[in-house]
C-alpha atoms as a PDB file:
ATOM      1  CA  MET A   1      74.973 -29.118 -31.360  1.00  0.00           C
ATOM      2  CA  SER A   2      76.345 -29.242 -28.002  1.00  0.00           C
ATOM      3  CA  ALA A   3      74.251 -27.295 -25.301  1.00  0.00           C
ATOM      4  CA  ASN A   4      77.824 -25.617 -24.807  1.00  0.00           C
ATOM      5  CA  ALA A   5      78.076 -24.509 -28.269  1.00  0.00           C
ATOM      6  CA  THR A   6      78.419 -20.389 -28.969  1.00  0.00           C
ATOM      7  CA  THR A   7      75.673 -19.570 -31.805  1.00  0.00           C
ATOM      8  CA  PRO A   8      75.785 -15.502 -32.683  1.00  0.00           C
ATOM      9  CA  ASP A   9      71.951 -15.065 -30.852  1.00  0.00           C
ATOM     10  CA  VAL A  10      73.689 -16.994 -28.098  1.00  0.00           C
ATOM     11  CA  ILE A  11      76.570 -14.231 -28.357  1.00  0.00           C
ATOM     12  CA  ALA A  12      74.013 -11.556 -28.959  1.00  0.00           C
ATOM     13  CA  ALA A  13      72.266 -12.406 -26.010  1.00  0.00           C
ATOM     14  CA  LYS A  14      75.180 -11.988 -23.437  1.00  0.00           C
ATOM     15  CA  ALA A  15      76.201  -8.692 -25.149  1.00  0.00           C
ATOM     16  CA  PRO A  16      75.442  -5.889 -23.056  1.00  0.00           C
ATOM     17  CA  ARG A  17      71.761  -4.334 -24.103  1.00  0.00           C
ATOM     18  CA  ALA A  18      71.509  -0.973 -25.353  1.00  0.00           C
ATOM     19  CA  GLY A  19      68.168   0.517 -24.088  1.00  0.00           C
ATOM     20  CA  VAL A  20      68.319   3.163 -26.136  1.00  0.00           C
ATOM     21  CA  GLY A  21      65.281   4.185 -24.940  1.00  0.00           C
ATOM     22  CA  GLY A  22      66.167   3.782 -21.214  1.00  0.00           C
ATOM     23  CA  ARG A  23      69.315   4.967 -21.280  1.00  0.00           C
ATOM     24  CA  ALA A  24      67.778   8.147 -23.214  1.00  0.00           C
ATOM     25  CA  GLY A  25      65.725   8.848 -20.753  1.00  0.00           C
ATOM     26  CA  ARG A  26      67.847   8.155 -18.167  1.00  0.00           C
ATOM     27  CA  LEU A  27      70.473  10.847 -19.586  1.00  0.00           C
ATOM     28  CA  LEU A  28      67.467  13.068 -20.034  1.00  0.00           C
ATOM     29  CA  ARG A  29      66.116  13.199 -16.884  1.00  0.00           C
ATOM     30  CA  GLY A  30      69.750  13.470 -15.408  1.00  0.00           C
ATOM     31  CA  ALA A  31      70.082  16.192 -17.151  1.00  0.00           C
ATOM     32  CA  LEU A  32      66.877  18.058 -15.987  1.00  0.00           C
ATOM     33  CA  ARG A  33      68.182  17.848 -12.447  1.00  0.00           C
ATOM     34  CA  THR A  34      70.680  20.479 -12.770  1.00  0.00           C
ATOM     35  CA  ARG A  35      70.030  24.033 -12.864  1.00  0.00           C
ATOM     36  CA  ARG A  36      72.644  23.760 -15.908  1.00  0.00           C
ATOM     37  CA  GLY A  37      69.806  20.969 -17.497  1.00  0.00           C
ATOM     38  CA  GLN A  38      66.660  23.172 -16.384  1.00  0.00           C
ATOM     39  CA  ILE A  39      67.675  26.843 -17.528  1.00  0.00           C
ATOM     40  CA  GLY A  40      69.180  25.393 -20.782  1.00  0.00           C
ATOM     41  CA  LEU A  41      65.885  23.909 -21.749  1.00  0.00           C
ATOM     42  CA  LEU A  42      63.718  27.212 -21.041  1.00  0.00           C
ATOM     43  CA  LEU A  43      66.050  28.990 -23.018  1.00  0.00           C
ATOM     44  CA  THR A  44      65.656  26.679 -25.851  1.00  0.00           C
ATOM     45  CA  LEU A  45      62.037  26.283 -25.309  1.00  0.00           C
ATOM     46  CA  VAL A  46      60.942  30.176 -25.209  1.00  0.00           C
ATOM     47  CA  VAL A  47      63.090  30.981 -28.624  1.00  0.00           C
ATOM     48  CA  VAL A  48      61.418  27.863 -30.568  1.00  0.00           C
ATOM     49  CA  GLY A  49      58.099  28.696 -29.357  1.00  0.00           C
ATOM     50  CA  ILE A  50      58.556  31.596 -30.392  1.00  0.00           C
ATOM     51  CA  ALA A  51      59.734  30.421 -33.775  1.00  0.00           C
ATOM     52  CA  PHE A  52      56.541  28.548 -34.400  1.00  0.00           C
ATOM     53  CA  LEU A  53      53.845  30.105 -32.864  1.00  0.00           C
ATOM     54  CA  GLY A  54      55.348  33.495 -33.415  1.00  0.00           C
ATOM     55  CA  PRO A  55      53.462  33.735 -37.160  1.00  0.00           C
ATOM     56  CA  LEU A  56      50.203  32.789 -35.837  1.00  0.00           C
ATOM     57  CA  PHE A  57      49.745  36.203 -34.263  1.00  0.00           C
ATOM     58  CA  ALA A  58      52.023  38.167 -36.345  1.00  0.00           C
ATOM     59  CA  GLY A  59      50.587  40.249 -39.234  1.00  0.00           C
ATOM     60  CA  ASN A  60      51.819  40.228 -42.361  1.00  0.00           C
ATOM     61  CA  PRO A  61      55.831  41.263 -41.528  1.00  0.00           C
ATOM     62  CA  THR A  62      55.990  42.940 -45.538  1.00  0.00           C
ATOM     63  CA  ALA A  63      52.894  45.216 -44.714  1.00  0.00           C
ATOM     64  CA  LEU A  64      54.261  48.873 -44.004  1.00  0.00           C
ATOM     65  CA  HIS A  65      53.495  50.834 -40.934  1.00  0.00           C
ATOM     66  CA  GLY A  66      55.128  54.512 -41.141  1.00  0.00           C
ATOM     67  CA  GLY A  67      58.690  55.955 -41.302  1.00  0.00           C
ATOM     68  CA  PRO A  68      61.754  54.366 -41.424  1.00  0.00           C
ATOM     69  CA  PHE A  69      63.299  53.298 -37.855  1.00  0.00           C
ATOM     70  CA  GLU A  70      59.786  54.536 -36.350  1.00  0.00           C
ATOM     71  CA  ALA A  71      60.074  54.287 -32.954  1.00  0.00           C
ATOM     72  CA  PRO A  72      58.596  52.082 -30.666  1.00  0.00           C
ATOM     73  CA  GLY A  73      55.223  52.301 -29.753  1.00  0.00           C
ATOM     74  CA  GLY A  74      54.491  53.510 -32.597  1.00  0.00           C
ATOM     75  CA  GLN A  75      52.102  52.772 -35.991  1.00  0.00           C
ATOM     76  CA  ALA A  76      54.771  49.857 -36.646  1.00  0.00           C
ATOM     77  CA  GLY A  77      54.066  48.394 -33.494  1.00  0.00           C
ATOM     78  CA  ALA A  78      55.504  47.697 -29.278  1.00  0.00           C
ATOM     79  CA  LEU A  79      58.855  47.591 -31.237  1.00  0.00           C
ATOM     80  CA  GLY A  80      58.867  50.336 -33.947  1.00  0.00           C
ATOM     81  CA  GLY A  81      60.090  50.086 -37.070  1.00  0.00           C
ATOM     82  CA  ASP A  82      62.895  48.740 -39.619  1.00  0.00           C
ATOM     83  CA  SER A  83      64.829  50.207 -42.153  1.00  0.00           C
ATOM     84  CA  LEU A  84      61.752  50.670 -44.470  1.00  0.00           C
ATOM     85  CA  GLY A  85      58.879  50.837 -42.162  1.00  0.00           C
ATOM     86  CA  ARG A  86      57.404  47.135 -42.067  1.00  0.00           C
ATOM     87  CA  SER A  87      57.102  46.683 -37.614  1.00  0.00           C
ATOM     88  CA  VAL A  88      59.702  44.801 -36.140  1.00  0.00           C
ATOM     89  CA  LEU A  89      57.600  42.688 -33.882  1.00  0.00           C
ATOM     90  CA  ASP A  90      56.014  40.716 -37.282  1.00  0.00           C
ATOM     91  CA  ARG A  91      59.097  40.477 -38.468  1.00  0.00           C
ATOM     92  CA  VAL A  92      60.843  38.980 -35.321  1.00  0.00           C
ATOM     93  CA  LEU A  93      57.848  36.869 -34.401  1.00  0.00           C
ATOM     94  CA  ASP A  94      57.712  35.430 -38.238  1.00  0.00           C
ATOM     95  CA  GLY A  95      61.277  35.073 -38.984  1.00  0.00           C
ATOM     96  CA  GLY A  96      62.596  32.296 -36.878  1.00  0.00           C
ATOM     97  CA  TRP A  97      60.820  29.013 -38.237  1.00  0.00           C
ATOM     98  CA  ARG A  98      63.111  29.346 -41.538  1.00  0.00           C
ATOM     99  CA  ILE A  99      65.958  29.744 -39.656  1.00  0.00           C
ATOM    100  CA  LEU A 100      65.499  26.814 -37.473  1.00  0.00           C
ATOM    101  CA  LEU A 101      64.153  24.602 -40.329  1.00  0.00           C
ATOM    102  CA  ILE A 102      66.988  24.892 -41.697  1.00  0.00           C
ATOM    103  CA  SER A 103      69.650  24.059 -39.266  1.00  0.00           C
ATOM    104  CA  ALA A 104      67.641  21.501 -37.880  1.00  0.00           C
ATOM    105  CA  ALA A 105      68.550  19.371 -41.513  1.00  0.00           C
ATOM    106  CA  ALA A 106      71.799  20.735 -41.613  1.00  0.00           C
ATOM    107  CA  THR A 107      72.507  19.014 -38.721  1.00  0.00           C
ATOM    108  CA  ALA A 108      70.014  15.606 -38.883  1.00  0.00           C
ATOM    109  CA  MET A 109      73.011  15.709 -41.957  1.00  0.00           C
ATOM    110  CA  ALA A 110      75.747  16.298 -40.080  1.00  0.00           C
ATOM    111  CA  ILE A 111      75.237  13.307 -37.800  1.00  0.00           C
ATOM    112  CA  VAL A 112      74.130  11.122 -40.369  1.00  0.00           C
ATOM    113  CA  LEU A 113      77.077  11.466 -42.881  1.00  0.00           C
ATOM    114  CA  GLY A 114      79.764  12.180 -39.903  1.00  0.00           C
ATOM    115  CA  SER A 115      78.750   8.939 -37.986  1.00  0.00           C
ATOM    116  CA  VAL A 116      78.053   6.513 -40.997  1.00  0.00           C
ATOM    117  CA  ALA A 117      81.870   7.559 -41.655  1.00  0.00           C
ATOM    118  CA  GLY A 118      83.595   7.462 -38.122  1.00  0.00           C
ATOM    119  CA  VAL A 119      81.985   4.820 -37.309  1.00  0.00           C
ATOM    120  CA  VAL A 120      82.692   2.927 -40.059  1.00  0.00           C
ATOM    121  CA  ALA A 121      86.239   4.310 -40.165  1.00  0.00           C
ATOM    122  CA  ALA A 122      86.454   3.071 -36.010  1.00  0.00           C
ATOM    123  CA  TYR A 123      85.368  -0.556 -36.615  1.00  0.00           C
ATOM    124  CA  ARG A 124      87.002  -1.554 -40.686  1.00  0.00           C
ATOM    125  CA  GLY A 125      90.260   0.338 -39.462  1.00  0.00           C
ATOM    126  CA  GLY A 126      93.347   0.644 -41.760  1.00  0.00           C
ATOM    127  CA  PHE A 127      93.005   1.684 -45.536  1.00  0.00           C
ATOM    128  CA  ALA A 128      89.802   2.410 -45.211  1.00  0.00           C
ATOM    129  CA  ASP A 129      90.184   4.007 -41.457  1.00  0.00           C
ATOM    130  CA  THR A 130      93.270   6.111 -43.397  1.00  0.00           C
ATOM    131  CA  VAL A 131      91.165   7.596 -46.027  1.00  0.00           C
ATOM    132  CA  ILE A 132      88.263   8.789 -44.603  1.00  0.00           C
ATOM    133  CA  MET A 133      89.861  10.554 -41.656  1.00  0.00           C
ATOM    134  CA  ARG A 134      92.028  12.353 -44.123  1.00  0.00           C
ATOM    135  CA  THR A 135      89.720  13.557 -46.274  1.00  0.00           C
ATOM    136  CA  VAL A 136      87.852  14.600 -42.859  1.00  0.00           C
ATOM    137  CA  ASP A 137      91.483  16.482 -42.143  1.00  0.00           C
ATOM    138  CA  VAL A 138      90.800  17.914 -45.888  1.00  0.00           C
ATOM    139  CA  LEU A 139      87.505  19.607 -44.603  1.00  0.00           C
ATOM    140  CA  LEU A 140      88.232  20.509 -40.873  1.00  0.00           C
ATOM    141  CA  GLY A 141      91.229  22.292 -42.184  1.00  0.00           C
ATOM    142  CA  ILE A 142      87.960  24.704 -44.151  1.00  0.00           C
ATOM    143  CA  PRO A 143      86.533  27.314 -42.413  1.00  0.00           C
ATOM    144  CA  SER A 144      82.996  26.181 -42.463  1.00  0.00           C
ATOM    145  CA  LEU A 145      82.056  30.174 -43.479  1.00  0.00           C
ATOM    146  CA  VAL A 146      84.575  30.544 -46.417  1.00  0.00           C
ATOM    147  CA  PHE A 147      83.676  26.893 -47.335  1.00  0.00           C
ATOM    148  CA  VAL A 148      80.122  27.946 -47.214  1.00  0.00           C
ATOM    149  CA  LEU A 149      80.031  31.144 -49.385  1.00  0.00           C
ATOM    150  CA  MET A 150      82.625  29.129 -52.002  1.00  0.00           C
ATOM    151  CA  LEU A 151      79.750  27.076 -52.154  1.00  0.00           C
ATOM    152  CA  LEU A 152      76.797  29.802 -52.382  1.00  0.00           C
ATOM    153  CA  SER A 153      78.450  31.677 -54.935  1.00  0.00           C
ATOM    154  CA  VAL A 154      79.205  29.312 -57.495  1.00  0.00           C
ATOM    155  CA  VAL A 155      76.253  27.479 -57.430  1.00  0.00           C
ATOM    156  CA  GLY A 156      73.590  30.283 -56.041  1.00  0.00           C
ATOM    157  CA  SER A 157      71.442  30.652 -53.210  1.00  0.00           C
ATOM    158  CA  HIS A 158      69.177  28.019 -52.618  1.00  0.00           C
ATOM    159  CA  ALA A 159      67.915  26.936 -49.092  1.00  0.00           C
ATOM    160  CA  TRP A 160      68.642  23.209 -50.204  1.00  0.00           C
ATOM    161  CA  LEU A 161      72.127  24.466 -50.448  1.00  0.00           C
ATOM    162  CA  VAL A 162      72.506  26.288 -47.775  1.00  0.00           C
ATOM    163  CA  ILE A 163      71.267  22.793 -45.958  1.00  0.00           C
ATOM    164  CA  VAL A 164      74.205  20.412 -47.988  1.00  0.00           C
ATOM    165  CA  GLY A 165      77.044  23.471 -47.169  1.00  0.00           C
ATOM    166  CA  VAL A 166      76.233  23.579 -43.864  1.00  0.00           C
ATOM    167  CA  GLY A 167      75.330  19.664 -43.303  1.00  0.00           C
ATOM    168  CA  LEU A 168      79.340  19.079 -44.860  1.00  0.00           C
ATOM    169  CA  THR A 169      80.840  21.712 -42.903  1.00  0.00           C
ATOM    170  CA  GLN A 170      79.430  20.455 -39.349  1.00  0.00           C
ATOM    171  CA  ALA A 171      80.143  16.304 -40.018  1.00  0.00           C
ATOM    172  CA  PRO A 172      84.068  16.377 -40.468  1.00  0.00           C
ATOM    173  CA  GLN A 173      83.558  16.884 -36.273  1.00  0.00           C
ATOM    174  CA  VAL A 174      81.311  14.600 -36.287  1.00  0.00           C
ATOM    175  CA  ALA A 175      83.176  12.082 -37.582  1.00  0.00           C
ATOM    176  CA  ARG A 176      86.039  12.837 -35.231  1.00  0.00           C
ATOM    177  CA  VAL A 177      83.375  12.148 -32.226  1.00  0.00           C
ATOM    178  CA  LEU A 178      82.251   9.407 -33.768  1.00  0.00           C
ATOM    179  CA  ARG A 179      85.070   7.741 -34.329  1.00  0.00           C
ATOM    180  CA  ALA A 180      86.938   8.169 -31.198  1.00  0.00           C
ATOM    181  CA  ALA A 181      83.504   6.761 -29.549  1.00  0.00           C
ATOM    182  CA  ALA A 182      83.518   4.281 -31.919  1.00  0.00           C
ATOM    183  CA  GLN A 183      86.833   2.664 -31.655  1.00  0.00           C
ATOM    184  CA  ASP A 184      86.506   1.399 -27.930  1.00  0.00           C
ATOM    185  CA  VAL A 185      83.445   0.123 -28.811  1.00  0.00           C
ATOM    186  CA  SER A 186      84.612  -2.119 -31.922  1.00  0.00           C
ATOM    187  CA  GLU A 187      87.660  -3.364 -29.308  1.00  0.00           C
ATOM    188  CA  ARG A 188      85.042  -4.814 -26.498  1.00  0.00           C
ATOM    189  CA  ASP A 189      85.106  -8.573 -26.575  1.00  0.00           C
ATOM    190  CA  TYR A 190      80.852  -8.826 -26.910  1.00  0.00           C
ATOM    191  CA  VAL A 191      81.927  -7.088 -30.620  1.00  0.00           C
ATOM    192  CA  LYS A 192      84.200  -9.382 -31.529  1.00  0.00           C
ATOM    193  CA  ALA A 193      83.078 -12.377 -30.769  1.00  0.00           C
ATOM    194  CA  VAL A 194      80.038 -11.691 -33.003  1.00  0.00           C
ATOM    195  CA  ALA A 195      82.176  -9.722 -36.070  1.00  0.00           C
ATOM    196  CA  ALA A 196      84.451 -13.376 -35.212  1.00  0.00           C
ATOM    197  CA  TRP A 197      81.280 -15.690 -35.805  1.00  0.00           C
ATOM    198  CA  GLY A 198      80.973 -14.294 -39.680  1.00  0.00           C
ATOM    199  CA  VAL A 199      77.981 -11.867 -38.918  1.00  0.00           C
ATOM    200  CA  PRO A 200      77.985  -8.824 -41.379  1.00  0.00           C
ATOM    201  CA  PRO A 201      79.948  -5.878 -40.746  1.00  0.00           C
ATOM    202  CA  ARG A 202      76.495  -3.126 -40.828  1.00  0.00           C
ATOM    203  CA  THR A 203      74.440  -5.658 -38.874  1.00  0.00           C
ATOM    204  CA  VAL A 204      77.173  -5.534 -36.335  1.00  0.00           C
ATOM    205  CA  ILE A 205      77.702  -1.651 -36.223  1.00  0.00           C
ATOM    206  CA  ARG A 206      73.883  -1.419 -36.292  1.00  0.00           C
ATOM    207  CA  ARG A 207      72.673  -3.641 -33.455  1.00  0.00           C
ATOM    208  CA  HIS A 208      76.152  -3.258 -31.511  1.00  0.00           C
ATOM    209  CA  VAL A 209      78.560  -0.544 -31.984  1.00  0.00           C
ATOM    210  CA  ILE A 210      75.065   2.594 -32.705  1.00  0.00           C
ATOM    211  CA  PRO A 211      73.384   2.130 -29.815  1.00  0.00           C
ATOM    212  CA  SER A 212      76.289   2.341 -27.520  1.00  0.00           C
ATOM    213  CA  LEU A 213      76.533   5.617 -29.029  1.00  0.00           C
ATOM    214  CA  LEU A 214      74.032   7.233 -28.166  1.00  0.00           C
ATOM    215  CA  THR A 215      75.830   9.415 -25.356  1.00  0.00           C
ATOM    216  CA  PRO A 216      78.313  11.591 -28.101  1.00  0.00           C
ATOM    217  CA  LEU A 217      75.523  11.550 -30.613  1.00  0.00           C
ATOM    218  CA  MET A 218      72.717  13.393 -27.405  1.00  0.00           C
ATOM    219  CA  VAL A 219      75.665  16.293 -27.409  1.00  0.00           C
ATOM    220  CA  GLU A 220      76.817  16.402 -31.054  1.00  0.00           C
ATOM    221  CA  CYS A 221      73.217  16.462 -31.989  1.00  0.00           C
ATOM    222  CA  ALA A 222      72.825  19.522 -29.674  1.00  0.00           C
ATOM    223  CA  LEU A 223      76.275  21.135 -30.279  1.00  0.00           C
ATOM    224  CA  ARG A 224      75.955  20.824 -33.951  1.00  0.00           C
ATOM    225  CA  LEU A 225      72.523  22.646 -34.061  1.00  0.00           C
ATOM    226  CA  SER A 226      73.489  25.423 -32.149  1.00  0.00           C
ATOM    227  CA  PHE A 227      76.198  26.063 -34.257  1.00  0.00           C
ATOM    228  CA  SER A 228      74.032  25.454 -37.408  1.00  0.00           C
ATOM    229  CA  ILE A 229      72.045  28.242 -36.065  1.00  0.00           C
ATOM    230  CA  ILE A 230      74.641  30.589 -36.174  1.00  0.00           C
ATOM    231  CA  LEU A 231      76.401  29.514 -39.275  1.00  0.00           C
ATOM    232  CA  VAL A 232      72.556  29.836 -40.964  1.00  0.00           C
ATOM    233  CA  ALA A 233      71.907  33.149 -39.807  1.00  0.00           C
ATOM    234  CA  SER A 234      75.338  34.737 -40.213  1.00  0.00           C
ATOM    235  CA  LEU A 235      74.323  33.160 -44.462  1.00  0.00           C
ATOM    236  CA  SER A 236      71.628  35.633 -44.191  1.00  0.00           C
ATOM    237  CA  PHE A 237      73.174  38.217 -42.951  1.00  0.00           C
ATOM    238  CA  LEU A 238      75.151  38.249 -45.399  1.00  0.00           C
ATOM    239  CA  GLY A 239      72.800  38.142 -48.397  1.00  0.00           C
ATOM    240  CA  LEU A 240      73.566  34.099 -49.052  1.00  0.00           C
ATOM    241  CA  GLY A 241      70.609  32.637 -47.317  1.00  0.00           C
ATOM    242  CA  THR A 242      67.431  34.022 -47.130  1.00  0.00           C
ATOM    243  CA  GLN A 243      66.627  36.740 -49.866  1.00  0.00           C
ATOM    244  CA  PRO A 244      64.750  39.689 -48.845  1.00  0.00           C
ATOM    245  CA  PRO A 245      61.401  40.451 -48.966  1.00  0.00           C
ATOM    246  CA  THR A 246      61.053  37.413 -46.645  1.00  0.00           C
ATOM    247  CA  ALA A 247      61.415  38.077 -42.533  1.00  0.00           C
ATOM    248  CA  ASP A 248      64.188  36.029 -41.809  1.00  0.00           C
ATOM    249  CA  TRP A 249      66.307  37.158 -38.046  1.00  0.00           C
ATOM    250  CA  GLY A 250      70.348  37.161 -39.434  1.00  0.00           C
ATOM    251  CA  VAL A 251      68.944  38.874 -42.447  1.00  0.00           C
ATOM    252  CA  MET A 252      66.962  41.919 -39.710  1.00  0.00           C
ATOM    253  CA  ILE A 253      69.899  42.373 -38.291  1.00  0.00           C
ATOM    254  CA  ASN A 254      71.906  42.985 -41.859  1.00  0.00           C
ATOM    255  CA  GLU A 255      69.245  45.197 -42.442  1.00  0.00           C
ATOM    256  CA  ASN A 256      69.220  47.619 -39.286  1.00  0.00           C
ATOM    257  CA  ARG A 257      72.221  47.779 -38.299  1.00  0.00           C
ATOM    258  CA  VAL A 258      72.424  51.567 -39.791  1.00  0.00           C
ATOM    259  CA  GLY A 259      69.161  52.402 -37.606  1.00  0.00           C
ATOM    260  CA  LEU A 260      70.486  51.242 -35.018  1.00  0.00           C
ATOM    261  CA  ALA A 261      70.251  55.176 -33.248  1.00  0.00           C
ATOM    262  CA  GLN A 262      66.969  55.629 -34.610  1.00  0.00           C
ATOM    263  CA  ASN A 263      65.451  52.290 -33.371  1.00  0.00           C
ATOM    264  CA  VAL A 264      67.889  49.300 -31.692  1.00  0.00           C
ATOM    265  CA  TRP A 265      65.238  47.130 -31.696  1.00  0.00           C
ATOM    266  CA  GLY A 266      65.439  46.096 -35.325  1.00  0.00           C
ATOM    267  CA  VAL A 267      68.804  44.088 -34.512  1.00  0.00           C
ATOM    268  CA  LEU A 268      68.861  43.779 -30.726  1.00  0.00           C
ATOM    269  CA  ALA A 269      65.426  41.846 -30.938  1.00  0.00           C
ATOM    270  CA  PRO A 270      66.839  39.033 -33.529  1.00  0.00           C
ATOM    271  CA  ALA A 271      70.210  39.052 -32.145  1.00  0.00           C
ATOM    272  CA  ILE A 272      69.137  38.357 -29.029  1.00  0.00           C
ATOM    273  CA  LEU A 273      66.118  35.585 -29.710  1.00  0.00           C
ATOM    274  CA  LEU A 274      70.023  33.995 -31.751  1.00  0.00           C
ATOM    275  CA  ALA A 275      72.360  34.051 -28.726  1.00  0.00           C
ATOM    276  CA  THR A 276      69.702  32.707 -26.429  1.00  0.00           C
ATOM    277  CA  LEU A 277      69.670  29.924 -28.485  1.00  0.00           C
ATOM    278  CA  ALA A 278      72.664  29.069 -29.343  1.00  0.00           C
ATOM    279  CA  VAL A 279      73.475  29.605 -25.490  1.00  0.00           C
ATOM    280  CA  GLY A 280      70.663  27.562 -24.108  1.00  0.00           C
ATOM    281  CA  THR A 281      70.884  24.116 -26.543  1.00  0.00           C
ATOM    282  CA  ASN A 282      74.602  24.355 -25.593  1.00  0.00           C
ATOM    283  CA  MET A 283      73.753  24.877 -21.885  1.00  0.00           C
ATOM    284  CA  PHE A 284      71.422  21.594 -21.972  1.00  0.00           C
ATOM    285  CA  SER A 285      74.063  19.473 -23.858  1.00  0.00           C
ATOM    286  CA  ASP A 286      76.539  19.836 -21.457  1.00  0.00           C
ATOM    287  CA  ALA A 287      74.287  18.395 -18.567  1.00  0.00           C
ATOM    288  CA  ILE A 288      73.995  15.921 -20.819  1.00  0.00           C
ATOM    289  CA  ALA A 289      77.426  15.043 -20.613  1.00  0.00           C
ATOM    290  CA  ARG A 290      77.481  15.830 -17.336  1.00  0.00           C
ATOM    291  CA  ALA A 291      75.283  13.579 -16.205  1.00  0.00           C
ATOM    292  CA  ASN A 292      76.219  10.928 -17.701  1.00  0.00           C
ATOM    293  CA  LEU A 293      79.704  11.337 -15.910  1.00  0.00           C
ATOM    294  CA  SER A 294      77.991  11.546 -12.772  1.00  0.00           C
ATOM    295  CA  SER A 295      76.456   8.555 -13.441  1.00  0.00           C
ATOM    296  CA  GLY A 296      78.936   6.271 -12.530  1.00  0.00           C
ATOM    297  CA  PRO A 297      82.289   6.233 -11.092  1.00  0.00           C
ATOM    298  CA  ALA A 298      83.942   6.478 -14.254  1.00  0.00           C
ATOM    299  CA  GLY A 299      81.668   7.984 -16.446  1.00  0.00           C
ATOM    300  CA  ASP A 300      81.055   6.134 -20.112  1.00  0.00           C
ATOM    301  CA  PRO A 301      84.832   6.735 -21.454  1.00  0.00           C
ATOM    302  CA  THR A 302      82.958   5.977 -25.107  1.00  0.00           C
ATOM    303  CA  LEU A 303      81.912  10.407 -23.519  1.00  0.00           C
ATOM    304  CA  GLN A 304      85.282  10.356 -22.754  1.00  0.00           C
ATOM    305  CA  MET A 305      86.972   9.814 -25.922  1.00  0.00           C
ATOM    306  CA  ALA A 306      84.282  11.741 -27.992  1.00  0.00           C
ATOM    307  CA  LEU A 307      85.246  14.978 -25.376  1.00  0.00           C
ATOM    308  CA  SER A 308      89.064  14.555 -25.933  1.00  0.00           C
ATOM    309  CA  ALA A 309      88.471  14.187 -29.845  1.00  0.00           C
ATOM    310  CA  SER A 310      86.028  17.160 -30.262  1.00  0.00           C
ATOM    311  CA  ASN A 311      88.493  19.523 -28.487  1.00  0.00           C
ATOM    312  CA  VAL A 312      91.400  18.479 -30.999  1.00  0.00           C
ATOM    313  CA  ALA A 313      88.903  19.041 -33.583  1.00  0.00           C
ATOM    314  CA  GLU A 314      87.746  22.725 -32.585  1.00  0.00           C
ATOM    315  CA  GLY A 315      91.635  22.949 -31.929  1.00  0.00           C
ATOM    316  CA  ASP A 316      92.251  22.647 -28.319  1.00  0.00           C
ATOM    317  CA  GLU A 317      93.967  20.582 -25.773  1.00  0.00           C
ATOM    318  CA  PRO A 318      92.372  16.873 -24.864  1.00  0.00           C
ATOM    319  CA  VAL A 319      90.452  16.881 -21.485  1.00  0.00           C
ATOM    320  CA  GLY A 320      90.017  14.104 -19.471  1.00  0.00           C
ATOM    321  CA  LEU A 321      87.418  13.274 -16.690  1.00  0.00           C
ATOM    322  CA  GLU A 322      89.369  14.419 -14.224  1.00  0.00           C
ATOM    323  CA  ALA A 323      89.527  18.255 -15.856  1.00  0.00           C
ATOM    324  CA  ILE A 324      85.681  17.854 -16.452  1.00  0.00           C
ATOM    325  CA  ASP A 325      85.292  17.028 -12.495  1.00  0.00           C
ATOM    326  CA  GLU A 326      87.553  19.686 -11.281  1.00  0.00           C
ATOM    327  CA  GLY A 327      86.012  22.362 -13.144  1.00  0.00           C
ATOM    328  CA  SER A 328      82.666  21.348 -11.847  1.00  0.00           C
ATOM    329  CA  GLN A 329      83.608  21.640  -8.489  1.00  0.00           C
END
């Protein structure tokens, strides 16, 4: 074989290195240099810390300490009592970790299913692309909450079913975004060259396509997590998620809304924590996207396509880099 012969290994060596770990580190450092990223991460870490460390300091969340909706500062503690006289503070400290674990599991499921569907549709094209994306369009046409409510009302309220339902409702958005981003990567010369040498498609996707999709994946993880948290809390509020008397922020809002005039903290405390977590994750994901766009004169084309696809999936007009730059000024 001549010295100038080209093999798949040589082509792979000449292809741009993914540098997944280094790229992720650069994006995170760039996001943390901005005030938006710092505030977003701080808000997220505060709520996550309360959710996972709170049970270590909480008392018995089901113990009765006084009358219903007891005022703060009494036997029920600093935040008063709930509808049954239980300590609002103890239930707030003990009621967050379940929502976060279920939301994280649902987000992981959505990212895996959506990434596989979107990347396969973009790389294979043709009939596979048509079938996958028409299925995605059908799922996008079903309201997320209605779909999960229907699933839970038919099968029953189970934690694993909440994870499956929420994951299935979030996966189509991920698939739309990753397909748009993967189409650009799949058309690059080094990917076509490796495929032309007969390398199996799964190897091309795993080694050369997916590593180039790190930025939209990171942004989607944060966005889908915030949506999953709100959806899981909404299910608990409606009585189809975590069941009483288990402490849960969504359950607390539902149980104590009738006593807002007597003790507002039974509703306000869990609502503030949920809103803070959603705002924090959204701010941090936005900081990651802006850090990537500011890393070069043209930004990452895969993120540009992902942003446009995400806006279309949510029913908005596609947003270009120029609009993003103008909005940040």
